Amino acid sequence: MKRKGAELLGNVLMGLGLITMVGGVGYSVLSQLPQLDLPHYFSHGAVMSIFIGALLWLVGARVGGRERVADRYWWVRHYDKRCTRKTRERHP
């Protein structure tokens, strides 16, 4: 697969995962309202859709080439062994 096609497929999968996660959270919250009279047995599927959406998001990030953690994050920059100097001592 060419680079542009991989980026497009990755973006589509990440978008689909985001929509699936938001839809699952929305249905889980709305199923708790008694005025809407939504079936409660679908709420288990809505919770499962959150995990399926997260999996789609991660697959899209992997396909699109965005699976690496950026070094601009504070925690990575200060505490990751790859980014810190070995001679630097920390104060307790």
PDB file of N, CA and C in Angstrom:
ATOM      1  N   MET A   1       0.842  -1.163   0.000  1.00  0.00           N
ATOM      2  CA  MET A   1       0.000   0.000   0.000  1.00  0.00           C
ATOM      3  C   MET A   1       0.896   1.238   0.000  1.00  0.00           C
ATOM      4  N   LYS A   2       0.548   2.192  -0.815  1.00  0.00           N
ATOM      5  CA  LYS A   2       1.354   3.407  -0.889  1.00  0.00           C
ATOM      6  C   LYS A   2       1.113   4.278   0.332  1.00  0.00           C
ATOM      7  N   ARG A   3       1.997   5.225   0.523  1.00  0.00           N
ATOM      8  CA  ARG A   3       1.964   6.055   1.724  1.00  0.00           C
ATOM      9  C   ARG A   3       0.673   6.852   1.855  1.00  0.00           C
ATOM     10  N   LYS A   4       0.222   7.468   0.769  1.00  0.00           N
ATOM     11  CA  LYS A   4      -1.024   8.258   0.815  1.00  0.00           C
ATOM     12  C   LYS A   4      -2.226   7.374   1.121  1.00  0.00           C
ATOM     13  N   GLY A   5      -2.255   6.195   0.506  1.00  0.00           N
ATOM     14  CA  GLY A   5      -3.351   5.264   0.777  1.00  0.00           C
ATOM     15  C   GLY A   5      -3.345   4.776   2.207  1.00  0.00           C
ATOM     16  N   ALA A   6      -2.145   4.532   2.748  1.00  0.00           N
ATOM     17  CA  ALA A   6      -2.044   4.087   4.138  1.00  0.00           C
ATOM     18  C   ALA A   6      -2.481   5.197   5.092  1.00  0.00           C
ATOM     19  N   GLU A   7      -2.098   6.430   4.794  1.00  0.00           N
ATOM     20  CA  GLU A   7      -2.531   7.550   5.646  1.00  0.00           C
ATOM     21  C   GLU A   7      -4.037   7.720   5.595  1.00  0.00           C
ATOM     22  N   LEU A   8      -4.608   7.613   4.408  1.00  0.00           N
ATOM     23  CA  LEU A   8      -6.057   7.766   4.271  1.00  0.00           C
ATOM     24  C   LEU A   8      -6.796   6.649   5.003  1.00  0.00           C
ATOM     25  N   LEU A   9      -6.345   5.416   4.830  1.00  0.00           N
ATOM     26  CA  LEU A   9      -6.974   4.298   5.531  1.00  0.00           C
ATOM     27  C   LEU A   9      -6.831   4.449   7.043  1.00  0.00           C
ATOM     28  N   GLY A  10      -5.652   4.879   7.499  1.00  0.00           N
ATOM     29  CA  GLY A  10      -5.444   5.106   8.927  1.00  0.00           C
ATOM     30  C   GLY A  10      -6.363   6.185   9.475  1.00  0.00           C
ATOM     31  N   ASN A  11      -6.520   7.278   8.721  1.00  0.00           N
ATOM     32  CA  ASN A  11      -7.408   8.351   9.169  1.00  0.00           C
ATOM     33  C   ASN A  11      -8.863   7.908   9.201  1.00  0.00           C
ATOM     34  N   VAL A  12      -9.266   7.115   8.215  1.00  0.00           N
ATOM     35  CA  VAL A  12     -10.650   6.610   8.183  1.00  0.00           C
ATOM     36  C   VAL A  12     -10.900   5.688   9.377  1.00  0.00           C
ATOM     37  N   LEU A  13      -9.951   4.799   9.650  1.00  0.00           N
ATOM     38  CA  LEU A  13     -10.132   3.886  10.787  1.00  0.00           C
ATOM     39  C   LEU A  13     -10.130   4.640  12.114  1.00  0.00           C
ATOM     40  N   MET A  14      -9.267   5.644  12.238  1.00  0.00           N
ATOM     41  CA  MET A  14      -9.254   6.429  13.475  1.00  0.00           C
ATOM     42  C   MET A  14     -10.561   7.207  13.636  1.00  0.00           C
ATOM     43  N   GLY A  15     -11.082   7.759  12.553  1.00  0.00           N
ATOM     44  CA  GLY A  15     -12.356   8.464  12.617  1.00  0.00           C
ATOM     45  C   GLY A  15     -13.509   7.537  12.957  1.00  0.00           C
ATOM     46  N   LEU A  16     -13.515   6.350  12.355  1.00  0.00           N
ATOM     47  CA  LEU A  16     -14.553   5.368  12.650  1.00  0.00           C
ATOM     48  C   LEU A  16     -14.473   4.913  14.108  1.00  0.00           C
ATOM     49  N   GLY A  17     -13.254   4.747  14.608  1.00  0.00           N
ATOM     50  CA  GLY A  17     -13.085   4.375  16.016  1.00  0.00           C
ATOM     51  C   GLY A  17     -13.579   5.457  16.949  1.00  0.00           C
ATOM     52  N   LEU A  18     -13.291   6.714  16.598  1.00  0.00           N
ATOM     53  CA  LEU A  18     -13.757   7.828  17.429  1.00  0.00           C
ATOM     54  C   LEU A  18     -15.277   7.903  17.450  1.00  0.00           C
ATOM     55  N   ILE A  19     -15.887   7.754  16.294  1.00  0.00           N
ATOM     56  CA  ILE A  19     -17.359   7.796  16.223  1.00  0.00           C
ATOM     57  C   ILE A  19     -17.963   6.636  17.009  1.00  0.00           C
ATOM     58  N   THR A  20     -17.353   5.456  16.922  1.00  0.00           N
ATOM     59  CA  THR A  20     -17.851   4.293  17.651  1.00  0.00           C
ATOM     60  C   THR A  20     -17.740   4.499  19.158  1.00  0.00           C
ATOM     61  N   MET A  21     -16.612   5.054  19.606  1.00  0.00           N
ATOM     62  CA  MET A  21     -16.443   5.294  21.046  1.00  0.00           C
ATOM     63  C   MET A  21     -17.434   6.334  21.558  1.00  0.00           C
ATOM     64  N   VAL A  22     -17.580   7.433  20.832  1.00  0.00           N
ATOM     65  CA  VAL A  22     -18.497   8.488  21.272  1.00  0.00           C
ATOM     66  C   VAL A  22     -19.939   7.986  21.251  1.00  0.00           C
ATOM     67  N   GLY A  23     -20.294   7.219  20.230  1.00  0.00           N
ATOM     68  CA  GLY A  23     -21.636   6.651  20.173  1.00  0.00           C
ATOM     69  C   GLY A  23     -21.910   5.697  21.322  1.00  0.00           C
ATOM     70  N   GLY A  24     -20.914   4.882  21.667  1.00  0.00           N
ATOM     71  CA  GLY A  24     -21.078   3.949  22.784  1.00  0.00           C
ATOM     72  C   GLY A  24     -21.236   4.667  24.109  1.00  0.00           C
ATOM     73  N   VAL A  25     -20.435   5.696  24.327  1.00  0.00           N
ATOM     74  CA  VAL A  25     -20.559   6.471  25.571  1.00  0.00           C
ATOM     75  C   VAL A  25     -21.900   7.185  25.608  1.00  0.00           C
ATOM     76  N   GLY A  26     -22.292   7.751  24.482  1.00  0.00           N
ATOM     77  CA  GLY A  26     -23.576   8.455  24.428  1.00  0.00           C
ATOM     78  C   GLY A  26     -24.755   7.544  24.717  1.00  0.00           C
ATOM     79  N   TYR A  27     -24.760   6.360  24.120  1.00  0.00           N
ATOM     80  CA  TYR A  27     -25.865   5.435  24.364  1.00  0.00           C
ATOM     81  C   TYR A  27     -25.845   4.925  25.797  1.00  0.00           C
ATOM     82  N   SER A  28     -24.664   4.695  26.345  1.00  0.00           N
ATOM     83  CA  SER A  28     -24.590   4.235  27.739  1.00  0.00           C
ATOM     84  C   SER A  28     -25.166   5.267  28.691  1.00  0.00           C
ATOM     85  N   VAL A  29     -24.869   6.531  28.429  1.00  0.00           N
ATOM     86  CA  VAL A  29     -25.393   7.594  29.291  1.00  0.00           C
ATOM     87  C   VAL A  29     -26.890   7.765  29.083  1.00  0.00           C
ATOM     88  N   LEU A  30     -27.317   7.779  27.821  1.00  0.00           N
ATOM     89  CA  LEU A  30     -28.739   7.991  27.540  1.00  0.00           C
ATOM     90  C   LEU A  30     -29.612   6.820  27.983  1.00  0.00           C
ATOM     91  N   SER A  31     -29.052   5.629  28.031  1.00  0.00           N
ATOM     92  CA  SER A  31     -29.868   4.486  28.459  1.00  0.00           C
ATOM     93  C   SER A  31     -30.176   4.530  29.952  1.00  0.00           C
ATOM     94  N   GLN A  32     -29.477   5.360  30.694  1.00  0.00           N
ATOM     95  CA  GLN A  32     -29.748   5.490  32.126  1.00  0.00           C
ATOM     96  C   GLN A  32     -30.930   6.425  32.415  1.00  0.00           C
ATOM     97  N   LEU A  33     -31.354   7.199  31.424  1.00  0.00           N
ATOM     98  CA  LEU A  33     -32.476   8.114  31.623  1.00  0.00           C
ATOM     99  C   LEU A  33     -33.798   7.365  31.449  1.00  0.00           C
ATOM    100  N   PRO A  34     -34.657   7.396  32.466  1.00  0.00           N
ATOM    101  CA  PRO A  34     -35.915   6.635  32.363  1.00  0.00           C
ATOM    102  C   PRO A  34     -36.912   7.264  31.384  1.00  0.00           C
ATOM    103  N   GLN A  35     -36.776   8.552  31.069  1.00  0.00           N
ATOM    104  CA  GLN A  35     -37.727   9.205  30.170  1.00  0.00           C
ATOM    105  C   GLN A  35     -37.610   8.672  28.734  1.00  0.00           C
ATOM    106  N   LEU A  36     -36.408   8.236  28.344  1.00  0.00           N
ATOM    107  CA  LEU A  36     -36.209   7.783  26.967  1.00  0.00           C
ATOM    108  C   LEU A  36     -36.661   6.348  26.745  1.00  0.00           C
ATOM    109  N   ASP A  37     -36.763   5.572  27.808  1.00  0.00           N
ATOM    110  CA  ASP A  37     -37.238   4.188  27.752  1.00  0.00           C
ATOM    111  C   ASP A  37     -36.468   3.346  26.718  1.00  0.00           C
ATOM    112  N   LEU A  38     -35.144   3.466  26.767  1.00  0.00           N
ATOM    113  CA  LEU A  38     -34.281   2.668  25.887  1.00  0.00           C
ATOM    114  C   LEU A  38     -34.061   1.292  26.508  1.00  0.00           C
ATOM    115  N   PRO A  39     -33.930   0.262  25.697  1.00  0.00           N
ATOM    116  CA  PRO A  39     -33.691  -1.080  26.258  1.00  0.00           C
ATOM    117  C   PRO A  39     -32.323  -1.156  26.942  1.00  0.00           C
ATOM    118  N   HIS A  40     -32.305  -1.693  28.137  1.00  0.00           N
ATOM    119  CA  HIS A  40     -31.065  -1.738  28.926  1.00  0.00           C
ATOM    120  C   HIS A  40     -30.121  -2.836  28.461  1.00  0.00           C
ATOM    121  N   TYR A  41     -30.615  -3.830  27.751  1.00  0.00           N
ATOM    122  CA  TYR A  41     -29.713  -4.886  27.298  1.00  0.00           C
ATOM    123  C   TYR A  41     -28.818  -4.412  26.165  1.00  0.00           C
ATOM    124  N   PHE A  42     -29.136  -3.294  25.523  1.00  0.00           N
ATOM    125  CA  PHE A  42     -28.235  -2.722  24.522  1.00  0.00           C
ATOM    126  C   PHE A  42     -27.080  -1.959  25.168  1.00  0.00           C
ATOM    127  N   SER A  43     -27.221  -1.609  26.430  1.00  0.00           N
ATOM    128  CA  SER A  43     -26.151  -0.834  27.076  1.00  0.00           C
ATOM    129  C   SER A  43     -24.887  -1.662  27.248  1.00  0.00           C
ATOM    130  N   HIS A  44     -25.012  -2.979  27.372  1.00  0.00           N
ATOM    131  CA  HIS A  44     -23.814  -3.833  27.426  1.00  0.00           C
ATOM    132  C   HIS A  44     -23.066  -3.789  26.098  1.00  0.00           C
ATOM    133  N   GLY A  45     -23.803  -3.785  25.016  1.00  0.00           N
ATOM    134  CA  GLY A  45     -23.187  -3.646  23.696  1.00  0.00           C
ATOM    135  C   GLY A  45     -22.566  -2.277  23.499  1.00  0.00           C
ATOM    136  N   ALA A  46     -23.166  -1.260  24.118  1.00  0.00           N
ATOM    137  CA  ALA A  46     -22.607   0.085  24.012  1.00  0.00           C
ATOM    138  C   ALA A  46     -21.272   0.181  24.733  1.00  0.00           C
ATOM    139  N   VAL A  47     -21.167  -0.481  25.874  1.00  0.00           N
ATOM    140  CA  VAL A  47     -19.892  -0.499  26.593  1.00  0.00           C
ATOM    141  C   VAL A  47     -18.846  -1.260  25.779  1.00  0.00           C
ATOM    142  N   MET A  48     -19.256  -2.346  25.155  1.00  0.00           N
ATOM    143  CA  MET A  48     -18.336  -3.100  24.305  1.00  0.00           C
ATOM    144  C   MET A  48     -17.905  -2.283  23.096  1.00  0.00           C
ATOM    145  N   SER A  49     -18.796  -1.427  22.590  1.00  0.00           N
ATOM    146  CA  SER A  49     -18.436  -0.599  21.438  1.00  0.00           C
ATOM    147  C   SER A  49     -17.359   0.421  21.786  1.00  0.00           C
ATOM    148  N   ILE A  50     -17.245   0.803  23.053  1.00  0.00           N
ATOM    149  CA  ILE A  50     -16.166   1.700  23.459  1.00  0.00           C
ATOM    150  C   ILE A  50     -14.819   1.009  23.246  1.00  0.00           C
ATOM    151  N   PHE A  51     -14.733  -0.246  23.629  1.00  0.00           N
ATOM    152  CA  PHE A  51     -13.484  -0.990  23.449  1.00  0.00           C
ATOM    153  C   PHE A  51     -13.211  -1.299  21.978  1.00  0.00           C
ATOM    154  N   ILE A  52     -14.264  -1.593  21.229  1.00  0.00           N
ATOM    155  CA  ILE A  52     -14.085  -1.839  19.795  1.00  0.00           C
ATOM    156  C   ILE A  52     -13.620  -0.557  19.103  1.00  0.00           C
ATOM    157  N   GLY A  53     -14.182   0.582  19.508  1.00  0.00           N
ATOM    158  CA  GLY A  53     -13.755   1.857  18.948  1.00  0.00           C
ATOM    159  C   GLY A  53     -12.308   2.172  19.277  1.00  0.00           C
ATOM    160  N   ALA A  54     -11.886   1.848  20.494  1.00  0.00           N
ATOM    161  CA  ALA A  54     -10.492   2.064  20.861  1.00  0.00           C
ATOM    162  C   ALA A  54      -9.571   1.169  20.043  1.00  0.00           C
ATOM    163  N   LEU A  55     -10.005  -0.052  19.801  1.00  0.00           N
ATOM    164  CA  LEU A  55      -9.210  -0.960  18.979  1.00  0.00           C
ATOM    165  C   LEU A  55      -9.114  -0.453  17.540  1.00  0.00           C
ATOM    166  N   LEU A  56     -10.222   0.032  16.988  1.00  0.00           N
ATOM    167  CA  LEU A  56     -10.184   0.623  15.647  1.00  0.00           C
ATOM    168  C   LEU A  56      -9.262   1.829  15.597  1.00  0.00           C
ATOM    169  N   TRP A  57      -9.286   2.644  16.644  1.00  0.00           N
ATOM    170  CA  TRP A  57      -8.412   3.814  16.722  1.00  0.00           C
ATOM    171  C   TRP A  57      -6.946   3.385  16.685  1.00  0.00           C
ATOM    172  N   LEU A  58      -6.608   2.368  17.477  1.00  0.00           N
ATOM    173  CA  LEU A  58      -5.217   1.917  17.528  1.00  0.00           C
ATOM    174  C   LEU A  58      -4.775   1.283  16.214  1.00  0.00           C
ATOM    175  N   VAL A  59      -5.658   0.529  15.569  1.00  0.00           N
ATOM    176  CA  VAL A  59      -5.322  -0.053  14.267  1.00  0.00           C
ATOM    177  C   VAL A  59      -5.121   1.054  13.239  1.00  0.00           C
ATOM    178  N   GLY A  60      -5.975   2.065  13.271  1.00  0.00           N
ATOM    179  CA  GLY A  60      -5.814   3.194  12.350  1.00  0.00           C
ATOM    180  C   GLY A  60      -4.533   3.956  12.584  1.00  0.00           C
ATOM    181  N   ALA A  61      -4.150   4.107  13.846  1.00  0.00           N
ATOM    182  CA  ALA A  61      -2.889   4.791  14.149  1.00  0.00           C
ATOM    183  C   ALA A  61      -1.708   3.966  13.669  1.00  0.00           C
ATOM    184  N   ARG A  62      -1.806   2.664  13.783  1.00  0.00           N
ATOM    185  CA  ARG A  62      -0.723   1.785  13.328  1.00  0.00           C
ATOM    186  C   ARG A  62      -0.599   1.819  11.803  1.00  0.00           C
ATOM    187  N   VAL A  63      -1.722   1.744  11.114  1.00  0.00           N
ATOM    188  CA  VAL A  63      -1.706   1.750   9.655  1.00  0.00           C
ATOM    189  C   VAL A  63      -1.261   3.107   9.133  1.00  0.00           C
ATOM    190  N   GLY A  64      -1.721   4.173   9.765  1.00  0.00           N
ATOM    191  CA  GLY A  64      -1.395   5.522   9.305  1.00  0.00           C
ATOM    192  C   GLY A  64      -0.011   5.990   9.693  1.00  0.00           C
ATOM    193  N   GLY A  65       0.714   5.223  10.502  1.00  0.00           N
ATOM    194  CA  GLY A  65       2.078   5.595  10.857  1.00  0.00           C
ATOM    195  C   GLY A  65       2.182   6.518  12.051  1.00  0.00           C
ATOM    196  N   ARG A  66       1.181   6.527  12.922  1.00  0.00           N
ATOM    197  CA  ARG A  66       1.187   7.420  14.070  1.00  0.00           C
ATOM    198  C   ARG A  66       1.298   6.677  15.393  1.00  0.00           C
ATOM    199  N   GLU A  67       1.907   5.509  15.381  1.00  0.00           N
ATOM    200  CA  GLU A  67       1.927   4.695  16.592  1.00  0.00           C
ATOM    201  C   GLU A  67       3.016   5.099  17.563  1.00  0.00           C
ATOM    202  N   ARG A  68       3.970   5.915  17.162  1.00  0.00           N
ATOM    203  CA  ARG A  68       5.054   6.285  18.064  1.00  0.00           C
ATOM    204  C   ARG A  68       4.620   7.397  19.010  1.00  0.00           C
ATOM    205  N   VAL A  69       5.189   7.390  20.192  1.00  0.00           N
ATOM    206  CA  VAL A  69       4.919   8.443  21.167  1.00  0.00           C
ATOM    207  C   VAL A  69       5.860   9.600  20.872  1.00  0.00           C
ATOM    208  N   ALA A  70       5.316  10.774  20.784  1.00  0.00           N
ATOM    209  CA  ALA A  70       6.142  11.940  20.486  1.00  0.00           C
ATOM    210  C   ALA A  70       6.966  12.325  21.709  1.00  0.00           C
ATOM    211  N   ASP A  71       8.172  12.779  21.468  1.00  0.00           N
ATOM    212  CA  ASP A  71       9.056  13.157  22.567  1.00  0.00           C
ATOM    213  C   ASP A  71       8.682  14.496  23.181  1.00  0.00           C
ATOM    214  N   ARG A  72       7.678  15.158  22.645  1.00  0.00           N
ATOM    215  CA  ARG A  72       7.297  16.455  23.198  1.00  0.00           C
ATOM    216  C   ARG A  72       6.474  16.324  24.485  1.00  0.00           C
ATOM    217  N   TYR A  73       6.046  15.119  24.801  1.00  0.00           N
ATOM    218  CA  TYR A  73       5.287  14.942  26.027  1.00  0.00           C
ATOM    219  C   TYR A  73       6.197  15.053  27.240  1.00  0.00           C
ATOM    220  N   TRP A  74       5.735  15.733  28.252  1.00  0.00           N
ATOM    221  CA  TRP A  74       6.560  16.061  29.410  1.00  0.00           C
ATOM    222  C   TRP A  74       7.052  14.812  30.115  1.00  0.00           C
ATOM    223  N   TRP A  75       6.176  13.848  30.326  1.00  0.00           N
ATOM    224  CA  TRP A  75       6.556  12.652  31.070  1.00  0.00           C
ATOM    225  C   TRP A  75       7.639  11.880  30.327  1.00  0.00           C
ATOM    226  N   VAL A  76       7.475  11.732  29.042  1.00  0.00           N
ATOM    227  CA  VAL A  76       8.459  11.000  28.248  1.00  0.00           C
ATOM    228  C   VAL A  76       9.800  11.718  28.279  1.00  0.00           C
ATOM    229  N   ARG A  77       9.767  13.014  28.147  1.00  0.00           N
ATOM    230  CA  ARG A  77      10.997  13.786  28.087  1.00  0.00           C
ATOM    231  C   ARG A  77      11.758  13.755  29.402  1.00  0.00           C
ATOM    232  N   HIS A  78      11.062  13.707  30.532  1.00  0.00           N
ATOM    233  CA  HIS A  78      11.729  13.785  31.829  1.00  0.00           C
ATOM    234  C   HIS A  78      11.992  12.442  32.492  1.00  0.00           C
ATOM    235  N   TYR A  79      11.192  11.431  32.201  1.00  0.00           N
ATOM    236  CA  TYR A  79      11.317  10.173  32.946  1.00  0.00           C
ATOM    237  C   TYR A  79      11.570   8.942  32.088  1.00  0.00           C
ATOM    238  N   ASP A  80      11.490   9.059  30.786  1.00  0.00           N
ATOM    239  CA  ASP A  80      11.770   7.904  29.948  1.00  0.00           C
ATOM    240  C   ASP A  80      13.277   7.679  29.867  1.00  0.00           C
ATOM    241  N   LYS A  81      13.698   6.441  29.975  1.00  0.00           N
ATOM    242  CA  LYS A  81      15.129   6.132  30.004  1.00  0.00           C
ATOM    243  C   LYS A  81      15.819   6.480  28.692  1.00  0.00           C
ATOM    244  N   ARG A  82      15.068   6.479  27.592  1.00  0.00           N
ATOM    245  CA  ARG A  82      15.672   6.812  26.307  1.00  0.00           C
ATOM    246  C   ARG A  82      16.029   8.288  26.211  1.00  0.00           C
ATOM    247  N   CYS A  83      15.302   9.134  26.926  1.00  0.00           N
ATOM    248  CA  CYS A  83      15.449  10.573  26.750  1.00  0.00           C
ATOM    249  C   CYS A  83      16.233  11.255  27.857  1.00  0.00           C
ATOM    250  N   THR A  84      16.435  10.607  28.967  1.00  0.00           N
ATOM    251  CA  THR A  84      17.128  11.260  30.071  1.00  0.00           C
ATOM    252  C   THR A  84      18.617  10.967  30.016  1.00  0.00           C
ATOM    253  N   ARG A  85      19.384  11.868  30.576  1.00  0.00           N
ATOM    254  CA  ARG A  85      20.829  11.648  30.654  1.00  0.00           C
ATOM    255  C   ARG A  85      21.135  10.711  31.806  1.00  0.00           C
ATOM    256  N   LYS A  86      22.134   9.910  31.633  1.00  0.00           N
ATOM    257  CA  LYS A  86      22.469   8.929  32.660  1.00  0.00           C
ATOM    258  C   LYS A  86      23.179   9.562  33.851  1.00  0.00           C
ATOM    259  N   THR A  87      23.860  10.678  33.644  1.00  0.00           N
ATOM    260  CA  THR A  87      24.608  11.296  34.733  1.00  0.00           C
ATOM    261  C   THR A  87      23.750  12.248  35.552  1.00  0.00           C
ATOM    262  N   ARG A  88      22.574  12.539  35.113  1.00  0.00           N
ATOM    263  CA  ARG A  88      21.714  13.490  35.807  1.00  0.00           C
ATOM    264  C   ARG A  88      21.142  12.855  37.067  1.00  0.00           C
ATOM    265  N   GLU A  89      21.358  13.502  38.197  1.00  0.00           N
ATOM    266  CA  GLU A  89      20.838  12.974  39.465  1.00  0.00           C
ATOM    267  C   GLU A  89      19.549  13.696  39.823  1.00  0.00           C
ATOM    268  N   ARG A  90      18.671  12.977  40.455  1.00  0.00           N
ATOM    269  CA  ARG A  90      17.383  13.540  40.853  1.00  0.00           C
ATOM    270  C   ARG A  90      17.389  13.816  42.353  1.00  0.00           C
ATOM    271  N   HIS A  91      16.785  14.911  42.708  1.00  0.00           N
ATOM    272  CA  HIS A  91      16.641  15.238  44.117  1.00  0.00           C
ATOM    273  C   HIS A  91      15.395  14.576  44.658  1.00  0.00           C
ATOM    274  N   PRO A  92      15.460  14.008  45.854  1.00  0.00           N
ATOM    275  CA  PRO A  92      14.276  13.320  46.406  1.00  0.00           C
ATOM    276  C   PRO A  92      13.187  14.273  46.828  1.00  0.00           C
TER     277      PRO A  92
END
